[in-house]
PDB file of N, CA and C in Angstrom:
ATOM      1  N   MET A   1      -5.884  -0.636  13.540  1.00  0.00           N
ATOM      2  CA  MET A   1      -5.525  -0.941  12.361  1.00  0.00           C
ATOM      3  C   MET A   1      -5.111   0.174  11.250  1.00  0.00           C
ATOM      4  N   LYS A   2      -6.274   1.067  11.510  1.00  0.00           N
ATOM      5  CA  LYS A   2      -6.432   2.167  10.412  1.00  0.00           C
ATOM      6  C   LYS A   2      -4.979   3.290  11.020  1.00  0.00           C
ATOM      7  N   ASN A   3      -4.905   3.425  11.900  1.00  0.00           N
ATOM      8  CA  ASN A   3      -3.705   4.457  12.511  1.00  0.00           C
ATOM      9  C   ASN A   3      -2.309   3.423  12.037  1.00  0.00           C
ATOM     10  N   SER A   4      -2.235   2.429  11.794  1.00  0.00           N
ATOM     11  CA  SER A   4      -0.907   1.796  11.237  1.00  0.00           C
ATOM     12  C   SER A   4      -0.894   1.617   9.729  1.00  0.00           C
ATOM     13  N   ILE A   5      -1.850   1.822   8.979  1.00  0.00           N
ATOM     14  CA  ILE A   5      -2.135   1.918   7.502  1.00  0.00           C
ATOM     15  C   ILE A   5      -1.645   3.327   7.250  1.00  0.00           C
ATOM     16  N   ILE A   6      -2.225   4.498   8.059  1.00  0.00           N
ATOM     17  CA  ILE A   6      -1.810   5.660   7.488  1.00  0.00           C
ATOM     18  C   ILE A   6      -0.225   5.961   7.839  1.00  0.00           C
ATOM     19  N   LYS A   7       0.356   5.594   8.621  1.00  0.00           N
ATOM     20  CA  LYS A   7       1.847   5.345   9.144  1.00  0.00           C
ATOM     21  C   LYS A   7       2.622   4.708   7.693  1.00  0.00           C
ATOM     22  N   ILE A   8       2.440   3.200   7.631  1.00  0.00           N
ATOM     23  CA  ILE A   8       2.473   2.397   6.303  1.00  0.00           C
ATOM     24  C   ILE A   8       2.851   3.550   5.119  1.00  0.00           C
ATOM     25  N   PHE A   9       1.302   4.312   4.605  1.00  0.00           N
ATOM     26  CA  PHE A   9       1.343   5.159   3.896  1.00  0.00           C
ATOM     27  C   PHE A   9       2.360   6.207   3.876  1.00  0.00           C
ATOM     28  N   ILE A  10       2.367   6.916   4.754  1.00  0.00           N
ATOM     29  CA  ILE A  10       3.246   7.953   4.862  1.00  0.00           C
ATOM     30  C   ILE A  10       4.717   7.560   4.728  1.00  0.00           C
ATOM     31  N   LEU A  11       4.970   6.295   5.237  1.00  0.00           N
ATOM     32  CA  LEU A  11       6.349   5.782   4.953  1.00  0.00           C
ATOM     33  C   LEU A  11       6.415   5.436   3.917  1.00  0.00           C
ATOM     34  N   ASN A  12       5.825   4.978   3.242  1.00  0.00           N
ATOM     35  CA  ASN A  12       5.736   4.820   1.639  1.00  0.00           C
ATOM     36  C   ASN A  12       5.967   6.042   1.023  1.00  0.00           C
ATOM     37  N   LEU A  13       5.046   7.123   1.293  1.00  0.00           N
ATOM     38  CA  LEU A  13       5.543   8.266   0.744  1.00  0.00           C
ATOM     39  C   LEU A  13       6.834   9.265   0.715  1.00  0.00           C
ATOM     40  N   ILE A  14       7.448   8.875   1.560  1.00  0.00           N
ATOM     41  CA  ILE A  14       8.614   9.053   2.287  1.00  0.00           C
ATOM     42  C   ILE A  14      10.170   8.462   1.643  1.00  0.00           C
ATOM     43  N   ILE A  15       9.511   7.152   1.357  1.00  0.00           N
ATOM     44  CA  ILE A  15      10.810   6.474   0.552  1.00  0.00           C
ATOM     45  C   ILE A  15      10.570   6.469  -0.896  1.00  0.00           C
ATOM     46  N   PHE A  16       9.184   6.816  -1.448  1.00  0.00           N
ATOM     47  CA  PHE A  16       9.246   7.207  -3.130  1.00  0.00           C
ATOM     48  C   PHE A  16       9.532   8.477  -3.243  1.00  0.00           C
ATOM     49  N   SER A  17       9.403   9.819  -2.254  1.00  0.00           N
ATOM     50  CA  SER A  17      10.080  10.815  -2.280  1.00  0.00           C
ATOM     51  C   SER A  17      11.847  10.699  -2.351  1.00  0.00           C
ATOM     52  N   LEU A  18      12.073   9.815  -1.674  1.00  0.00           N
ATOM     53  CA  LEU A  18      13.441   9.841  -1.583  1.00  0.00           C
ATOM     54  C   LEU A  18      14.327   9.306  -2.644  1.00  0.00           C
ATOM     55  N   ILE A  19      13.594   8.370  -3.232  1.00  0.00           N
ATOM     56  CA  ILE A  19      14.132   7.718  -4.528  1.00  0.00           C
ATOM     57  C   ILE A  19      13.795   8.622  -5.686  1.00  0.00           C
ATOM     58  N   THR A  20      12.729   9.482  -5.769  1.00  0.00           N
ATOM     59  CA  THR A  20      12.992  10.288  -6.818  1.00  0.00           C
ATOM     60  C   THR A  20      13.973  11.596  -6.463  1.00  0.00           C
ATOM     61  N   TYR A  21      13.994  11.822  -5.283  1.00  0.00           N
ATOM     62  CA  TYR A  21      14.894  12.901  -4.767  1.00  0.00           C
ATOM     63  C   TYR A  21      16.442  12.214  -5.062  1.00  0.00           C
ATOM     64  N   ILE A  22      17.206  11.113  -5.148  1.00  0.00           N
ATOM     65  CA  ILE A  22      18.197  10.775  -5.389  1.00  0.00           C
ATOM     66  C   ILE A  22      18.156  10.598  -7.012  1.00  0.00           C
ATOM     67  N   LEU A  23      17.445   9.853  -7.716  1.00  0.00           N
ATOM     68  CA  LEU A  23      17.396   9.843  -9.092  1.00  0.00           C
ATOM     69  C   LEU A  23      17.390  11.238  -9.634  1.00  0.00           C
ATOM     70  N   GLY A  24      16.551  12.264  -9.002  1.00  0.00           N
ATOM     71  CA  GLY A  24      16.611  13.532  -9.582  1.00  0.00           C
ATOM     72  C   GLY A  24      18.090  14.274  -9.523  1.00  0.00           C
ATOM     73  N   ILE A  25      18.587  13.947  -8.471  1.00  0.00           N
ATOM     74  CA  ILE A  25      20.395  14.657  -8.595  1.00  0.00           C
ATOM     75  C   ILE A  25      21.022  13.879  -9.791  1.00  0.00           C
ATOM     76  N   THR A  26      20.453  13.014 -10.025  1.00  0.00           N
ATOM     77  CA  THR A  26      21.695  12.143 -11.305  1.00  0.00           C
ATOM     78  C   THR A  26      21.528  12.776 -12.547  1.00  0.00           C
ATOM     79  N   ASP A  27      20.131  13.571 -12.874  1.00  0.00           N
ATOM     80  CA  ASP A  27      19.642  14.009 -14.023  1.00  0.00           C
ATOM     81  C   ASP A  27      20.193  14.830 -14.178  1.00  0.00           C
ATOM     82  N   THR A  28      20.318  15.055 -16.048  1.00  0.00           N
ATOM     83  CA  THR A  28      21.300  15.904 -16.510  1.00  0.00           C
ATOM     84  C   THR A  28      20.751  17.354 -16.427  1.00  0.00           C
ATOM     85  N   ALA A  29      19.550  17.356 -16.318  1.00  0.00           N
ATOM     86  CA  ALA A  29      19.072  18.652 -16.474  1.00  0.00           C
ATOM     87  C   ALA A  29      19.459  19.568 -14.697  1.00  0.00           C
ATOM     88  N   PHE A  30      19.592  18.925 -13.808  1.00  0.00           N
ATOM     89  CA  PHE A  30      19.955  19.032 -12.668  1.00  0.00           C
ATOM     90  C   PHE A  30      21.707  19.527 -12.676  1.00  0.00           C
ATOM     91  N   LYS A  31      22.233  19.109 -13.267  1.00  0.00           N
ATOM     92  CA  LYS A  31      23.856  18.980 -13.782  1.00  0.00           C
ATOM     93  C   LYS A  31      24.083  20.247 -14.709  1.00  0.00           C
ATOM     94  N   LYS A  32      23.100  20.545 -15.386  1.00  0.00           N
ATOM     95  CA  LYS A  32      23.260  21.749 -16.022  1.00  0.00           C
ATOM     96  C   LYS A  32      22.797  23.044 -15.471  1.00  0.00           C
ATOM     97  N   ASN A  33      21.936  22.799 -14.798  1.00  0.00           N
ATOM     98  CA  ASN A  33      21.639  24.288 -14.422  1.00  0.00           C
ATOM     99  C   ASN A  33      21.438  24.599 -13.020  1.00  0.00           C
ATOM    100  N   TYR A  34      21.729  23.686 -11.979  1.00  0.00           N
ATOM    101  CA  TYR A  34      21.697  23.651 -10.648  1.00  0.00           C
ATOM    102  C   TYR A  34      22.989  23.372  -9.779  1.00  0.00           C
ATOM    103  N   LEU A  35      23.877  22.770 -10.578  1.00  0.00           N
ATOM    104  CA  LEU A  35      25.069  22.288 -10.033  1.00  0.00           C
ATOM    105  C   LEU A  35      25.704  23.316  -9.683  1.00  0.00           C
ATOM    106  N   SER A  36      26.494  23.304  -8.318  1.00  0.00           N
ATOM    107  CA  SER A  36      27.371  24.147  -7.869  1.00  0.00           C
ATOM    108  C   SER A  36      28.547  23.394  -7.132  1.00  0.00           C
ATOM    109  N   ASP A  37      29.477  24.317  -6.733  1.00  0.00           N
ATOM    110  CA  ASP A  37      30.759  23.893  -6.135  1.00  0.00           C
ATOM    111  C   ASP A  37      30.632  24.029  -4.473  1.00  0.00           C
ATOM    112  N   ASN A  38      29.740  25.270  -4.057  1.00  0.00           N
ATOM    113  CA  ASN A  38      29.747  25.260  -2.644  1.00  0.00           C
ATOM    114  C   ASN A  38      28.857  24.177  -2.350  1.00  0.00           C
ATOM    115  N   ILE A  39      28.925  23.253  -1.073  1.00  0.00           N
ATOM    116  CA  ILE A  39      28.140  22.215  -0.270  1.00  0.00           C
ATOM    117  C   ILE A  39      26.856  22.816  -0.125  1.00  0.00           C
ATOM    118  N   ILE A  40      26.775  23.699   0.284  1.00  0.00           N
ATOM    119  CA  ILE A  40      25.479  24.738   1.089  1.00  0.00           C
ATOM    120  C   ILE A  40      24.689  24.940  -0.431  1.00  0.00           C
ATOM    121  N   LEU A  41      25.062  25.560  -1.110  1.00  0.00           N
ATOM    122  CA  LEU A  41      24.400  26.105  -2.219  1.00  0.00           C
ATOM    123  C   LEU A  41      23.937  24.727  -3.131  1.00  0.00           C
ATOM    124  N   TYR A  42      24.946  23.309  -3.551  1.00  0.00           N
ATOM    125  CA  TYR A  42      24.457  22.470  -3.578  1.00  0.00           C
ATOM    126  C   TYR A  42      23.134  21.843  -3.034  1.00  0.00           C
ATOM    127  N   VAL A  43      23.452  21.443  -2.162  1.00  0.00           N
ATOM    128  CA  VAL A  43      21.878  21.087  -1.072  1.00  0.00           C
ATOM    129  C   VAL A  43      20.586  21.816  -1.480  1.00  0.00           C
ATOM    130  N   ILE A  44      20.614  23.194  -1.299  1.00  0.00           N
ATOM    131  CA  ILE A  44      19.895  24.158  -1.877  1.00  0.00           C
ATOM    132  C   ILE A  44      19.273  23.937  -3.072  1.00  0.00           C
ATOM    133  N   ASN A  45      20.298  23.939  -3.968  1.00  0.00           N
ATOM    134  CA  ASN A  45      19.623  23.962  -5.295  1.00  0.00           C
ATOM    135  C   ASN A  45      18.823  22.622  -5.734  1.00  0.00           C
ATOM    136  N   SER A  46      19.280  21.390  -5.290  1.00  0.00           N
ATOM    137  CA  SER A  46      19.123  20.084  -5.266  1.00  0.00           C
ATOM    138  C   SER A  46      17.641  19.833  -4.710  1.00  0.00           C
ATOM    139  N   ILE A  47      17.139  20.783  -3.273  1.00  0.00           N
ATOM    140  CA  ILE A  47      15.971  20.909  -3.235  1.00  0.00           C
ATOM    141  C   ILE A  47      15.262  21.604  -3.903  1.00  0.00           C
ATOM    142  N   LYS A  48      15.579  23.042  -4.360  1.00  0.00           N
ATOM    143  CA  LYS A  48      14.737  23.554  -5.089  1.00  0.00           C
ATOM    144  C   LYS A  48      14.302  22.710  -7.010  1.00  0.00           C
ATOM    145  N   TYR A  49      15.187  22.111  -7.076  1.00  0.00           N
ATOM    146  CA  TYR A  49      15.215  21.163  -8.282  1.00  0.00           C
ATOM    147  C   TYR A  49      13.978  20.356  -8.064  1.00  0.00           C
ATOM    148  N   PHE A  50      14.121  19.410  -6.701  1.00  0.00           N
ATOM    149  CA  PHE A  50      13.294  18.300  -6.451  1.00  0.00           C
ATOM    150  C   PHE A  50      12.122  18.882  -6.179  1.00  0.00           C
ATOM    151  N   ILE A  51      11.472  20.037  -5.669  1.00  0.00           N
ATOM    152  CA  ILE A  51      10.605  20.842  -5.407  1.00  0.00           C
ATOM    153  C   ILE A  51       9.753  21.260  -6.696  1.00  0.00           C
ATOM    154  N   PHE A  52      10.696  22.348  -7.272  1.00  0.00           N
ATOM    155  CA  PHE A  52      10.316  22.917  -8.679  1.00  0.00           C
ATOM    156  C   PHE A  52      10.408  22.087 -10.079  1.00  0.00           C
ATOM    157  N   TRP A  53      10.815  21.050  -9.798  1.00  0.00           N
ATOM    158  CA  TRP A  53      10.964  20.024 -11.664  1.00  0.00           C
ATOM    159  C   TRP A  53      10.604  18.536 -11.133  1.00  0.00           C
ATOM    160  N   VAL A  54      10.905  18.027 -10.233  1.00  0.00           N
ATOM    161  CA  VAL A  54      10.787  16.419  -9.860  1.00  0.00           C
ATOM    162  C   VAL A  54       9.568  16.415  -9.581  1.00  0.00           C
ATOM    163  N   LEU A  55       9.100  16.996  -8.352  1.00  0.00           N
ATOM    164  CA  LEU A  55       8.009  16.608  -7.929  1.00  0.00           C
ATOM    165  C   LEU A  55       6.772  17.037  -8.663  1.00  0.00           C
ATOM    166  N   PRO A  56       6.215  17.932  -9.316  1.00  0.00           N
ATOM    167  CA  PRO A  56       5.399  18.104 -10.186  1.00  0.00           C
ATOM    168  C   PRO A  56       5.228  17.254 -11.475  1.00  0.00           C
ATOM    169  N   ASN A  57       6.272  16.545 -12.119  1.00  0.00           N
ATOM    170  CA  ASN A  57       5.889  15.729 -12.712  1.00  0.00           C
ATOM    171  C   ASN A  57       6.089  14.333 -12.519  1.00  0.00           C
ATOM    172  N   TRP A  58       6.201  13.927 -11.231  1.00  0.00           N
ATOM    173  CA  TRP A  58       6.550  13.006 -10.533  1.00  0.00           C
ATOM    174  C   TRP A  58       5.208  12.485  -9.440  1.00  0.00           C
ATOM    175  N   TRP A  59       4.702  13.693  -8.985  1.00  0.00           N
ATOM    176  CA  TRP A  59       4.020  13.444  -7.769  1.00  0.00           C
ATOM    177  C   TRP A  59       3.080  12.174  -8.048  1.00  0.00           C
ATOM    178  N   ILE A  60       2.422  12.308  -8.885  1.00  0.00           N
ATOM    179  CA  ILE A  60       1.383  11.149  -9.486  1.00  0.00           C
ATOM    180  C   ILE A  60       1.898   9.791  -8.980  1.00  0.00           C
ATOM    181  N   SER A  61       3.058   9.520  -9.727  1.00  0.00           N
ATOM    182  CA  SER A  61       3.100   8.281  -9.706  1.00  0.00           C
ATOM    183  C   SER A  61       4.216   7.883  -8.305  1.00  0.00           C
ATOM    184  N   ILE A  62       4.001   9.200  -7.229  1.00  0.00           N
ATOM    185  CA  ILE A  62       4.684   8.849  -6.078  1.00  0.00           C
ATOM    186  C   ILE A  62       3.580   8.316  -5.251  1.00  0.00           C
ATOM    187  N   PHE A  63       2.716   9.240  -5.471  1.00  0.00           N
ATOM    188  CA  PHE A  63       1.271   8.992  -4.877  1.00  0.00           C
ATOM    189  C   PHE A  63       0.656   7.689  -5.049  1.00  0.00           C
ATOM    190  N   CYS A  64       0.509   7.239  -6.444  1.00  0.00           N
ATOM    191  CA  CYS A  64       0.357   5.712  -6.696  1.00  0.00           C
ATOM    192  C   CYS A  64       1.083   4.592  -6.387  1.00  0.00           C
ATOM    193  N   GLY A  65       2.026   4.683  -6.399  1.00  0.00           N
ATOM    194  CA  GLY A  65       3.423   3.677  -5.885  1.00  0.00           C
ATOM    195  C   GLY A  65       2.527   3.630  -4.324  1.00  0.00           C
ATOM    196  N   SER A  66       2.911   4.737  -3.578  1.00  0.00           N
ATOM    197  CA  SER A  66       2.936   4.625  -2.243  1.00  0.00           C
ATOM    198  C   SER A  66       1.335   4.265  -1.664  1.00  0.00           C
ATOM    199  N   LEU A  67       0.108   4.404  -2.396  1.00  0.00           N
ATOM    200  CA  LEU A  67      -0.802   3.665  -2.220  1.00  0.00           C
ATOM    201  C   LEU A  67      -1.266   2.444  -2.714  1.00  0.00           C
ATOM    202  N   SER A  68      -0.323   1.987  -3.682  1.00  0.00           N
ATOM    203  CA  SER A  68      -0.217   0.220  -4.048  1.00  0.00           C
ATOM    204  C   SER A  68       0.208  -0.244  -3.304  1.00  0.00           C
ATOM    205  N   LEU A  69       1.532   0.153  -2.721  1.00  0.00           N
ATOM    206  CA  LEU A  69       1.946  -0.578  -1.706  1.00  0.00           C
ATOM    207  C   LEU A  69       1.501  -0.784  -0.180  1.00  0.00           C
ATOM    208  N   THR A  70       0.614   0.174   0.072  1.00  0.00           N
ATOM    209  CA  THR A  70      -0.081   0.625   1.293  1.00  0.00           C
ATOM    210  C   THR A  70      -1.299  -0.582   0.956  1.00  0.00           C
ATOM    211  N   PHE A  71      -2.136  -1.000  -0.135  1.00  0.00           N
ATOM    212  CA  PHE A  71      -2.773  -1.848  -0.492  1.00  0.00           C
ATOM    213  C   PHE A  71      -2.578  -3.009  -0.106  1.00  0.00           C
ATOM    214  N   LEU A  72      -1.237  -3.481  -1.027  1.00  0.00           N
ATOM    215  CA  LEU A  72      -0.714  -4.733  -0.834  1.00  0.00           C
ATOM    216  C   LEU A  72      -0.504  -5.221   0.929  1.00  0.00           C
ATOM    217  N   TYR A  73       0.270  -4.134   1.207  1.00  0.00           N
ATOM    218  CA  TYR A  73       0.497  -4.524   3.070  1.00  0.00           C
ATOM    219  C   TYR A  73      -0.886  -4.843   3.682  1.00  0.00           C
ATOM    220  N   GLY A  74      -2.093  -3.810   3.745  1.00  0.00           N
ATOM    221  CA  GLY A  74      -3.358  -4.004   4.178  1.00  0.00           C
ATOM    222  C   GLY A  74      -3.617  -5.748   3.775  1.00  0.00           C
ATOM    223  N   LEU A  75      -3.659  -5.577   2.618  1.00  0.00           N
ATOM    224  CA  LEU A  75      -4.188  -7.328   1.702  1.00  0.00           C
ATOM    225  C   LEU A  75      -3.514  -8.651   2.527  1.00  0.00           C
ATOM    226  N   ILE A  76      -1.819  -8.380   2.798  1.00  0.00           N
ATOM    227  CA  ILE A  76      -0.938  -9.369   3.455  1.00  0.00           C
ATOM    228  C   ILE A  76      -1.561  -9.281   4.401  1.00  0.00           C
ATOM    229  N   ARG A  77      -1.610  -8.438   5.477  1.00  0.00           N
ATOM    230  CA  ARG A  77      -1.979  -8.396   6.945  1.00  0.00           C
ATOM    231  C   ARG A  77      -3.488  -8.943   6.722  1.00  0.00           C
ATOM    232  N   LYS A  78      -4.520  -8.668   6.261  1.00  0.00           N
ATOM    233  CA  LYS A  78      -5.678  -9.657   5.978  1.00  0.00           C
ATOM    234  C   LYS A  78      -5.595 -10.984   6.363  1.00  0.00           C
ATOM    235  N   ILE A  79      -4.849 -10.996   5.144  1.00  0.00           N
ATOM    236  CA  ILE A  79      -4.401 -12.651   4.390  1.00  0.00           C
ATOM    237  C   ILE A  79      -3.981 -13.412   5.631  1.00  0.00           C
ATOM    238  N   SER A  80      -2.760 -12.863   6.182  1.00  0.00           N
ATOM    239  CA  SER A  80      -1.991 -13.588   7.496  1.00  0.00           C
ATOM    240  C   SER A  80      -3.142 -13.758   8.808  1.00  0.00           C
ATOM    241  N   LYS A  81      -4.181 -12.954   8.944  1.00  0.00           N
ATOM    242  CA  LYS A  81      -4.980 -13.446  10.041  1.00  0.00           C
ATOM    243  C   LYS A  81      -5.905 -14.519   9.493  1.00  0.00           C
ATOM    244  N   ILE A  82      -5.779 -14.751   8.836  1.00  0.00           N
ATOM    245  CA  ILE A  82      -7.077 -16.021   7.949  1.00  0.00           C
ATOM    246  C   ILE A  82      -6.493 -17.231   8.835  1.00  0.00           C
TER     247      ILE A  82
END
């Protein structure tokens, strides 16, 4: 049970991080400062933008959302066993 909860938490972290990454690319600050015509530089710049600007501002939301969904998953599993 504990091992599956940890896997679900990590999966939730990945999902929330991907959502913020995708939403961060659509941000106007990214388009102003990091946009590039070269596809390789675009990917590198988007990762830099995500690590240096998006994560420092959104890590609490990502963590709390992942924790909440994991708790909800565990609660639903407990209730379904009863």
